[in-house]
PDB file of N, CA and C in Angstrom:
ATOM      1  N   MET A   1       9.876  20.069   4.590  1.00  0.00           N
ATOM      2  CA  MET A   1       8.900  19.037   4.920  1.00  0.00           C
ATOM      3  C   MET A   1       8.327  18.467   3.624  1.00  0.00           C
ATOM      4  N   SER A   2       8.242  17.161   3.553  1.00  0.00           N
ATOM      5  CA  SER A   2       7.717  16.489   2.369  1.00  0.00           C
ATOM      6  C   SER A   2       6.205  16.620   2.314  1.00  0.00           C
ATOM      7  N   LYS A   3       5.696  16.623   1.090  1.00  0.00           N
ATOM      8  CA  LYS A   3       4.257  16.728   0.898  1.00  0.00           C
ATOM      9  C   LYS A   3       3.721  15.380   0.416  1.00  0.00           C
ATOM     10  N   LEU A   4       2.609  14.953   1.010  1.00  0.00           N
ATOM     11  CA  LEU A   4       1.974  13.699   0.647  1.00  0.00           C
ATOM     12  C   LEU A   4       1.389  13.814  -0.758  1.00  0.00           C
ATOM     13  N   LYS A   5       1.675  12.830  -1.602  1.00  0.00           N
ATOM     14  CA  LYS A   5       1.146  12.826  -2.969  1.00  0.00           C
ATOM     15  C   LYS A   5      -0.332  12.434  -2.961  1.00  0.00           C
ATOM     16  N   LEU A   6      -1.062  12.856  -3.974  1.00  0.00           N
ATOM     17  CA  LEU A   6      -2.437  12.402  -4.178  1.00  0.00           C
ATOM     18  C   LEU A   6      -2.377  11.137  -5.020  1.00  0.00           C
ATOM     19  N   LEU A   7      -2.865  10.041  -4.476  1.00  0.00           N
ATOM     20  CA  LEU A   7      -2.789   8.753  -5.153  1.00  0.00           C
ATOM     21  C   LEU A   7      -4.156   8.084  -5.193  1.00  0.00           C
ATOM     22  N   SER A   8      -4.358   7.278  -6.214  1.00  0.00           N
ATOM     23  CA  SER A   8      -5.587   6.480  -6.308  1.00  0.00           C
ATOM     24  C   SER A   8      -5.312   5.087  -5.754  1.00  0.00           C
ATOM     25  N   GLY A   9      -6.363   4.342  -5.529  1.00  0.00           N
ATOM     26  CA  GLY A   9      -6.210   2.973  -5.050  1.00  0.00           C
ATOM     27  C   GLY A   9      -5.431   2.112  -6.030  1.00  0.00           C
ATOM     28  N   LYS A  10      -5.668   2.301  -7.325  1.00  0.00           N
ATOM     29  CA  LYS A  10      -4.956   1.517  -8.342  1.00  0.00           C
ATOM     30  C   LYS A  10      -3.468   1.844  -8.339  1.00  0.00           C
ATOM     31  N   GLU A  11      -3.128   3.121  -8.118  1.00  0.00           N
ATOM     32  CA  GLU A  11      -1.716   3.509  -8.042  1.00  0.00           C
ATOM     33  C   GLU A  11      -1.042   2.859  -6.835  1.00  0.00           C
ATOM     34  N   ILE A  12      -1.755   2.794  -5.724  1.00  0.00           N
ATOM     35  CA  ILE A  12      -1.218   2.174  -4.510  1.00  0.00           C
ATOM     36  C   ILE A  12      -0.943   0.685  -4.765  1.00  0.00           C
ATOM     37  N   ILE A  13      -1.864   0.020  -5.442  1.00  0.00           N
ATOM     38  CA  ILE A  13      -1.685  -1.402  -5.753  1.00  0.00           C
ATOM     39  C   ILE A  13      -0.453  -1.597  -6.628  1.00  0.00           C
ATOM     40  N   LYS A  14      -0.239  -0.724  -7.610  1.00  0.00           N
ATOM     41  CA  LYS A  14       0.949  -0.814  -8.461  1.00  0.00           C
ATOM     42  C   LYS A  14       2.226  -0.644  -7.643  1.00  0.00           C
ATOM     43  N   ILE A  15       2.201   0.289  -6.695  1.00  0.00           N
ATOM     44  CA  ILE A  15       3.368   0.513  -5.834  1.00  0.00           C
ATOM     45  C   ILE A  15       3.693  -0.749  -5.049  1.00  0.00           C
ATOM     46  N   PHE A  16       2.674  -1.326  -4.395  1.00  0.00           N
ATOM     47  CA  PHE A  16       2.930  -2.502  -3.567  1.00  0.00           C
ATOM     48  C   PHE A  16       3.260  -3.738  -4.388  1.00  0.00           C
ATOM     49  N   SER A  17       2.815  -3.785  -5.640  1.00  0.00           N
ATOM     50  CA  SER A  17       3.179  -4.928  -6.487  1.00  0.00           C
ATOM     51  C   SER A  17       4.686  -4.925  -6.757  1.00  0.00           C
ATOM     52  N   LYS A  18       5.302  -3.758  -6.752  1.00  0.00           N
ATOM     53  CA  LYS A  18       6.759  -3.667  -6.922  1.00  0.00           C
ATOM     54  C   LYS A  18       7.499  -4.289  -5.749  1.00  0.00           C
ATOM     55  N   PHE A  19       6.833  -4.381  -4.611  1.00  0.00           N
ATOM     56  CA  PHE A  19       7.419  -4.976  -3.416  1.00  0.00           C
ATOM     57  C   PHE A  19       6.985  -6.432  -3.225  1.00  0.00           C
ATOM     58  N   GLY A  20       6.332  -6.997  -4.230  1.00  0.00           N
ATOM     59  CA  GLY A  20       5.967  -8.407  -4.190  1.00  0.00           C
ATOM     60  C   GLY A  20       4.571  -8.720  -3.696  1.00  0.00           C
ATOM     61  N   PHE A  21       3.735  -7.698  -3.470  1.00  0.00           N
ATOM     62  CA  PHE A  21       2.366  -7.938  -3.021  1.00  0.00           C
ATOM     63  C   PHE A  21       1.479  -8.263  -4.218  1.00  0.00           C
ATOM     64  N   GLU A  22       0.529  -9.170  -4.011  1.00  0.00           N
ATOM     65  CA  GLU A  22      -0.424  -9.553  -5.052  1.00  0.00           C
ATOM     66  C   GLU A  22      -1.840  -9.444  -4.500  1.00  0.00           C
ATOM     67  N   ILE A  23      -2.789  -9.215  -5.401  1.00  0.00           N
ATOM     68  CA  ILE A  23      -4.200  -9.160  -5.005  1.00  0.00           C
ATOM     69  C   ILE A  23      -4.659 -10.578  -4.688  1.00  0.00           C
ATOM     70  N   VAL A  24      -5.254 -10.749  -3.494  1.00  0.00           N
ATOM     71  CA  VAL A  24      -5.767 -12.077  -3.123  1.00  0.00           C
ATOM     72  C   VAL A  24      -7.286 -12.096  -3.035  1.00  0.00           C
ATOM     73  N   SER A  25      -7.902 -10.933  -2.767  1.00  0.00           N
ATOM     74  CA  SER A  25      -9.358 -10.884  -2.731  1.00  0.00           C
ATOM     75  C   SER A  25      -9.838  -9.441  -2.801  1.00  0.00           C
ATOM     76  N   GLN A  26     -11.115  -9.307  -3.093  1.00  0.00           N
ATOM     77  CA  GLN A  26     -11.746  -7.986  -3.110  1.00  0.00           C
ATOM     78  C   GLN A  26     -13.141  -8.128  -2.539  1.00  0.00           C
ATOM     79  N   ARG A  27     -13.499  -7.189  -1.681  1.00  0.00           N
ATOM     80  CA  ARG A  27     -14.851  -7.152  -1.133  1.00  0.00           C
ATOM     81  C   ARG A  27     -15.335  -5.721  -1.261  1.00  0.00           C
ATOM     82  N   GLY A  28     -16.267  -5.515  -2.146  1.00  0.00           N
ATOM     83  CA  GLY A  28     -16.731  -4.156  -2.415  1.00  0.00           C
ATOM     84  C   GLY A  28     -15.599  -3.358  -3.043  1.00  0.00           C
ATOM     85  N   SER A  29     -15.295  -2.212  -2.444  1.00  0.00           N
ATOM     86  CA  SER A  29     -14.252  -1.360  -3.012  1.00  0.00           C
ATOM     87  C   SER A  29     -12.901  -1.562  -2.321  1.00  0.00           C
ATOM     88  N   HIS A  30     -12.769  -2.602  -1.504  1.00  0.00           N
ATOM     89  CA  HIS A  30     -11.514  -2.838  -0.802  1.00  0.00           C
ATOM     90  C   HIS A  30     -10.823  -4.086  -1.339  1.00  0.00           C
ATOM     91  N   VAL A  31      -9.536  -3.925  -1.627  1.00  0.00           N
ATOM     92  CA  VAL A  31      -8.728  -5.017  -2.157  1.00  0.00           C
ATOM     93  C   VAL A  31      -7.730  -5.445  -1.096  1.00  0.00           C
ATOM     94  N   LYS A  32      -7.587  -6.748  -0.931  1.00  0.00           N
ATOM     95  CA  LYS A  32      -6.621  -7.295   0.013  1.00  0.00           C
ATOM     96  C   LYS A  32      -5.384  -7.725  -0.763  1.00  0.00           C
ATOM     97  N   LEU A  33      -4.244  -7.180  -0.346  1.00  0.00           N
ATOM     98  CA  LEU A  33      -2.961  -7.508  -0.959  1.00  0.00           C
ATOM     99  C   LEU A  33      -2.166  -8.375   0.012  1.00  0.00           C
ATOM    100  N   ARG A  34      -1.432  -9.337  -0.532  1.00  0.00           N
ATOM    101  CA  ARG A  34      -0.646 -10.209   0.333  1.00  0.00           C
ATOM    102  C   ARG A  34       0.643 -10.602  -0.362  1.00  0.00           C
ATOM    103  N   ARG A  35       1.672 -10.758   0.447  1.00  0.00           N
ATOM    104  CA  ARG A  35       2.891 -11.400  -0.025  1.00  0.00           C
ATOM    105  C   ARG A  35       3.302 -12.411   1.030  1.00  0.00           C
ATOM    106  N   ILE A  36       3.886 -13.497   0.551  1.00  0.00           N
ATOM    107  CA  ILE A  36       4.319 -14.566   1.442  1.00  0.00           C
ATOM    108  C   ILE A  36       5.833 -14.646   1.348  1.00  0.00           C
ATOM    109  N   LEU A  37       6.488 -14.501   2.480  1.00  0.00           N
ATOM    110  CA  LEU A  37       7.945 -14.541   2.524  1.00  0.00           C
ATOM    111  C   LEU A  37       8.451 -15.976   2.419  1.00  0.00           C
ATOM    112  N   GLU A  38       9.753 -16.120   2.196  1.00  0.00           N
ATOM    113  CA  GLU A  38      10.345 -17.449   2.038  1.00  0.00           C
ATOM    114  C   GLU A  38      10.123 -18.337   3.259  1.00  0.00           C
ATOM    115  N   ASN A  39      10.057 -17.723   4.440  1.00  0.00           N
ATOM    116  CA  ASN A  39       9.855 -18.515   5.662  1.00  0.00           C
ATOM    117  C   ASN A  39       8.377 -18.828   5.920  1.00  0.00           C
ATOM    118  N   GLY A  40       7.495 -18.429   4.995  1.00  0.00           N
ATOM    119  CA  GLY A  40       6.073 -18.724   5.109  1.00  0.00           C
ATOM    120  C   GLY A  40       5.248 -17.638   5.779  1.00  0.00           C
ATOM    121  N   THR A  41       5.891 -16.565   6.227  1.00  0.00           N
ATOM    122  CA  THR A  41       5.179 -15.466   6.871  1.00  0.00           C
ATOM    123  C   THR A  41       4.301 -14.741   5.848  1.00  0.00           C
ATOM    124  N   LYS A  42       3.039 -14.514   6.220  1.00  0.00           N
ATOM    125  CA  LYS A  42       2.111 -13.787   5.348  1.00  0.00           C
ATOM    126  C   LYS A  42       2.051 -12.330   5.778  1.00  0.00           C
ATOM    127  N   GLN A  43       2.157 -11.434   4.825  1.00  0.00           N
ATOM    128  CA  GLN A  43       2.047  -9.999   5.080  1.00  0.00           C
ATOM    129  C   GLN A  43       0.871  -9.482   4.264  1.00  0.00           C
ATOM    130  N   THR A  44      -0.085  -8.834   4.940  1.00  0.00           N
ATOM    131  CA  THR A  44      -1.335  -8.425   4.303  1.00  0.00           C
ATOM    132  C   THR A  44      -1.585  -6.938   4.483  1.00  0.00           C
ATOM    133  N   LEU A  45      -2.071  -6.294   3.419  1.00  0.00           N
ATOM    134  CA  LEU A  45      -2.484  -4.896   3.432  1.00  0.00           C
ATOM    135  C   LEU A  45      -3.842  -4.793   2.753  1.00  0.00           C
ATOM    136  N   THR A  46      -4.670  -3.855   3.175  1.00  0.00           N
ATOM    137  CA  THR A  46      -5.960  -3.616   2.543  1.00  0.00           C
ATOM    138  C   THR A  46      -5.981  -2.204   1.984  1.00  0.00           C
ATOM    139  N   VAL A  47      -6.411  -2.087   0.723  1.00  0.00           N
ATOM    140  CA  VAL A  47      -6.408  -0.801   0.024  1.00  0.00           C
ATOM    141  C   VAL A  47      -7.786  -0.551  -0.579  1.00  0.00           C
ATOM    142  N   PRO A  48      -8.383   0.616  -0.331  1.00  0.00           N
ATOM    143  CA  PRO A  48      -9.649   0.952  -0.993  1.00  0.00           C
ATOM    144  C   PRO A  48      -9.388   1.382  -2.436  1.00  0.00           C
ATOM    145  N   ILE A  49     -10.244   0.944  -3.334  1.00  0.00           N
ATOM    146  CA  ILE A  49     -10.110   1.301  -4.747  1.00  0.00           C
ATOM    147  C   ILE A  49     -10.961   2.536  -5.014  1.00  0.00           C
ATOM    148  N   HIS A  50     -10.388   3.694  -4.751  1.00  0.00           N
ATOM    149  CA  HIS A  50     -11.055   4.970  -5.011  1.00  0.00           C
ATOM    150  C   HIS A  50     -10.190   5.767  -5.974  1.00  0.00           C
ATOM    151  N   ASP A  51     -10.806   6.704  -6.692  1.00  0.00           N
ATOM    152  CA  ASP A  51     -10.057   7.518  -7.652  1.00  0.00           C
ATOM    153  C   ASP A  51      -9.015   8.384  -6.970  1.00  0.00           C
ATOM    154  N   GLU A  52      -9.348   8.881  -5.794  1.00  0.00           N
ATOM    155  CA  GLU A  52      -8.401   9.689  -5.023  1.00  0.00           C
ATOM    156  C   GLU A  52      -8.615   9.376  -3.544  1.00  0.00           C
ATOM    157  N   LEU A  53      -7.545   8.931  -2.891  1.00  0.00           N
ATOM    158  CA  LEU A  53      -7.662   8.567  -1.482  1.00  0.00           C
ATOM    159  C   LEU A  53      -7.452   9.799  -0.604  1.00  0.00           C
ATOM    160  N   ASP A  54      -8.200   9.886   0.490  1.00  0.00           N
ATOM    161  CA  ASP A  54      -8.031  10.969   1.453  1.00  0.00           C
ATOM    162  C   ASP A  54      -6.633  10.895   2.050  1.00  0.00           C
ATOM    163  N   LYS A  55      -6.126  12.047   2.483  1.00  0.00           N
ATOM    164  CA  LYS A  55      -4.780  12.084   3.060  1.00  0.00           C
ATOM    165  C   LYS A  55      -4.665  11.202   4.294  1.00  0.00           C
ATOM    166  N   GLY A  56      -5.696  11.189   5.121  1.00  0.00           N
ATOM    167  CA  GLY A  56      -5.668  10.339   6.309  1.00  0.00           C
ATOM    168  C   GLY A  56      -5.586   8.862   5.958  1.00  0.00           C
ATOM    169  N   THR A  57      -6.301   8.468   4.912  1.00  0.00           N
ATOM    170  CA  THR A  57      -6.264   7.076   4.455  1.00  0.00           C
ATOM    171  C   THR A  57      -4.888   6.733   3.913  1.00  0.00           C
ATOM    172  N   LEU A  58      -4.311   7.650   3.125  1.00  0.00           N
ATOM    173  CA  LEU A  58      -2.968   7.425   2.588  1.00  0.00           C
ATOM    174  C   LEU A  58      -1.943   7.269   3.710  1.00  0.00           C
ATOM    175  N   LYS A  59      -2.044   8.132   4.706  1.00  0.00           N
ATOM    176  CA  LYS A  59      -1.107   8.052   5.833  1.00  0.00           C
ATOM    177  C   LYS A  59      -1.267   6.741   6.579  1.00  0.00           C
ATOM    178  N   ALA A  60      -2.503   6.288   6.742  1.00  0.00           N
ATOM    179  CA  ALA A  60      -2.754   5.025   7.435  1.00  0.00           C
ATOM    180  C   ALA A  60      -2.170   3.844   6.652  1.00  0.00           C
ATOM    181  N   ILE A  61      -2.351   3.839   5.334  1.00  0.00           N
ATOM    182  CA  ILE A  61      -1.793   2.776   4.494  1.00  0.00           C
ATOM    183  C   ILE A  61      -0.273   2.808   4.571  1.00  0.00           C
ATOM    184  N   PHE A  62       0.307   3.996   4.511  1.00  0.00           N
ATOM    185  CA  PHE A  62       1.763   4.157   4.601  1.00  0.00           C
ATOM    186  C   PHE A  62       2.281   3.590   5.927  1.00  0.00           C
ATOM    187  N   ARG A  63       1.625   3.951   7.028  1.00  0.00           N
ATOM    188  CA  ARG A  63       2.050   3.472   8.351  1.00  0.00           C
ATOM    189  C   ARG A  63       1.936   1.947   8.456  1.00  0.00           C
ATOM    190  N   GLN A  64       0.862   1.393   7.920  1.00  0.00           N
ATOM    191  CA  GLN A  64       0.698  -0.068   7.956  1.00  0.00           C
ATOM    192  C   GLN A  64       1.789  -0.757   7.142  1.00  0.00           C
ATOM    193  N   ALA A  65       2.102  -0.196   5.995  1.00  0.00           N
ATOM    194  CA  ALA A  65       3.114  -0.791   5.123  1.00  0.00           C
ATOM    195  C   ALA A  65       4.506  -0.731   5.742  1.00  0.00           C
ATOM    196  N   LEU A  66       4.733   0.235   6.626  1.00  0.00           N
ATOM    197  CA  LEU A  66       6.046   0.348   7.275  1.00  0.00           C
ATOM    198  C   LEU A  66       6.353  -0.864   8.150  1.00  0.00           C
ATOM    199  N   ARG A  67       5.343  -1.636   8.504  1.00  0.00           N
ATOM    200  CA  ARG A  67       5.587  -2.881   9.252  1.00  0.00           C
ATOM    201  C   ARG A  67       6.371  -3.874   8.399  1.00  0.00           C
ATOM    202  N   TYR A  68       6.248  -3.767   7.075  1.00  0.00           N
ATOM    203  CA  TYR A  68       6.815  -4.752   6.166  1.00  0.00           C
ATOM    204  C   TYR A  68       7.912  -4.196   5.251  1.00  0.00           C
ATOM    205  N   ILE A  69       7.873  -2.903   4.979  1.00  0.00           N
ATOM    206  CA  ILE A  69       8.782  -2.286   4.007  1.00  0.00           C
ATOM    207  C   ILE A  69       9.529  -1.151   4.698  1.00  0.00           C
ATOM    208  N   PRO A  70      10.861  -1.096   4.557  1.00  0.00           N
ATOM    209  CA  PRO A  70      11.619   0.004   5.174  1.00  0.00           C
ATOM    210  C   PRO A  70      11.165   1.370   4.651  1.00  0.00           C
ATOM    211  N   GLU A  71      11.128   2.354   5.550  1.00  0.00           N
ATOM    212  CA  GLU A  71      10.624   3.682   5.197  1.00  0.00           C
ATOM    213  C   GLU A  71      11.398   4.311   4.051  1.00  0.00           C
ATOM    214  N   GLU A  72      12.721   4.150   4.027  1.00  0.00           N
ATOM    215  CA  GLU A  72      13.513   4.779   2.969  1.00  0.00           C
ATOM    216  C   GLU A  72      13.178   4.232   1.578  1.00  0.00           C
ATOM    217  N   GLU A  73      12.671   3.008   1.502  1.00  0.00           N
ATOM    218  CA  GLU A  73      12.259   2.435   0.221  1.00  0.00           C
ATOM    219  C   GLU A  73      10.846   2.883  -0.170  1.00  0.00           C
ATOM    220  N   LEU A  74       9.969   3.031   0.804  1.00  0.00           N
ATOM    221  CA  LEU A  74       8.558   3.317   0.542  1.00  0.00           C
ATOM    222  C   LEU A  74       8.266   4.808   0.397  1.00  0.00           C
ATOM    223  N   ARG A  75       8.980   5.646   1.133  1.00  0.00           N
ATOM    224  CA  ARG A  75       8.708   7.085   1.192  1.00  0.00           C
ATOM    225  C   ARG A  75       8.661   7.783  -0.173  1.00  0.00           C
ATOM    226  N   PRO A  76       9.575   7.494  -1.117  1.00  0.00           N
ATOM    227  CA  PRO A  76       9.529   8.199  -2.411  1.00  0.00           C
ATOM    228  C   PRO A  76       8.229   7.993  -3.196  1.00  0.00           C
ATOM    229  N   TYR A  77       7.525   6.910  -2.941  1.00  0.00           N
ATOM    230  CA  TYR A  77       6.266   6.644  -3.639  1.00  0.00           C
ATOM    231  C   TYR A  77       5.098   7.442  -3.059  1.00  0.00           C
ATOM    232  N   PHE A  78       5.191   7.811  -1.782  1.00  0.00           N
ATOM    233  CA  PHE A  78       4.094   8.486  -1.090  1.00  0.00           C
ATOM    234  C   PHE A  78       4.317   9.985  -0.882  1.00  0.00           C
ATOM    235  N   TYR A  79       5.563  10.417  -0.852  1.00  0.00           N
ATOM    236  CA  TYR A  79       5.871  11.825  -0.558  1.00  0.00           C
ATOM    237  C   TYR A  79       6.728  12.448  -1.643  1.00  0.00           C
ATOM    238  N   ASP A  80       6.468  13.744  -1.919  1.00  0.00           N
ATOM    239  CA  ASP A  80       7.290  14.516  -2.875  1.00  0.00           C
ATOM    240  C   ASP A  80       8.570  14.949  -2.206  1.00  0.00           C
TER     241      ASP A  80
END
């Protein structure tokens, strides 16, 4: 069984930037990331900027990102 990595909000943003997401806004400690596909579809994720994210938060971000990114591509960044 894979183990969930401990990641910070900044690390998560770096991961998603590799998939074409960019910061579009920030409100308090939450950053909104977005990428726009060639057909004009907008894909948005929200990430809290904390030094260490709780495991439940990481799992929620991972599940949300699976709507846009195939699991086999995303899993190595989140799990050992």
